[in-house]
Amino acid sequence: LTEWVPRIKEMERSASRVHALMNNNYSNYSVKNAQQLEKLLEAWQK
């Protein structure tokens, strides 16, 4: 997920809202990954 953080942050500069979709095919990973991504985005510094 770490490699997505700079991409998402760049998109935020030119969009009023950015959405990230998670695939939930197995074992609730999408929820866990979304929570992890949220923490990474909050901690990100350029």
Protein backbone atom coordinates (compact mmCIF):
# COMPACT_ATOMS: atom_id res chain seq x y z
CA LEU A 1 0.00 0.00 0.00
CA THR A 2 2.91 2.32 0.63
CA GLU A 3 3.52 2.88 -3.08
CA TRP A 4 -0.02 4.24 -3.47
CA VAL A 5 0.38 7.02 -0.90
CA PRO A 6 2.33 9.50 -3.09
CA ARG A 7 -0.03 8.81 -6.00
CA ILE A 8 -3.11 9.47 -3.90
CA LYS A 9 -1.58 12.59 -2.37
CA GLU A 10 -0.80 13.89 -5.87
CA MET A 11 -4.40 13.27 -6.94
CA GLU A 12 -5.62 15.21 -3.89
CA ARG A 13 -3.89 18.30 -5.23
CA SER A 14 -6.13 18.45 -8.30
CA ALA A 15 -9.37 16.87 -7.07
CA SER A 16 -11.91 17.84 -4.47
CA ARG A 17 -12.34 14.20 -3.45
CA VAL A 18 -10.32 11.01 -4.01
CA HIS A 19 -11.73 7.51 -3.50
CA ALA A 20 -9.78 4.27 -3.12
CA LEU A 21 -11.55 0.99 -3.80
CA MET A 22 -10.56 -2.21 -2.03
CA ASN A 23 -11.30 -5.74 -3.22
CA ASN A 24 -12.85 -7.89 -0.48
CA ASN A 25 -12.52 -11.37 -1.97
CA TYR A 26 -10.83 -13.01 1.00
CA SER A 27 -10.75 -12.79 4.77
CA ASN A 28 -11.79 -9.17 5.33
CA TYR A 29 -8.51 -7.85 3.87
CA SER A 30 -10.16 -4.85 2.26
CA VAL A 31 -11.19 -3.43 5.63
CA LYS A 32 -7.75 -4.06 7.12
CA ASN A 33 -6.02 -2.60 4.06
CA ALA A 34 -8.27 0.47 4.07
CA GLN A 35 -7.42 1.11 7.72
CA GLN A 36 -3.72 0.67 6.99
CA LEU A 37 -3.91 3.00 3.98
CA GLU A 38 -5.70 5.61 6.07
CA LYS A 39 -2.88 5.53 8.64
CA LEU A 40 -0.25 5.78 5.91
CA LEU A 41 -1.99 8.76 4.33
CA GLU A 42 -2.30 10.53 7.67
CA ALA A 43 1.40 9.97 8.43
CA TRP A 44 2.65 10.90 4.94
CA GLN A 45 4.97 13.82 4.59
CA LYS A 46 6.40 14.89 1.27
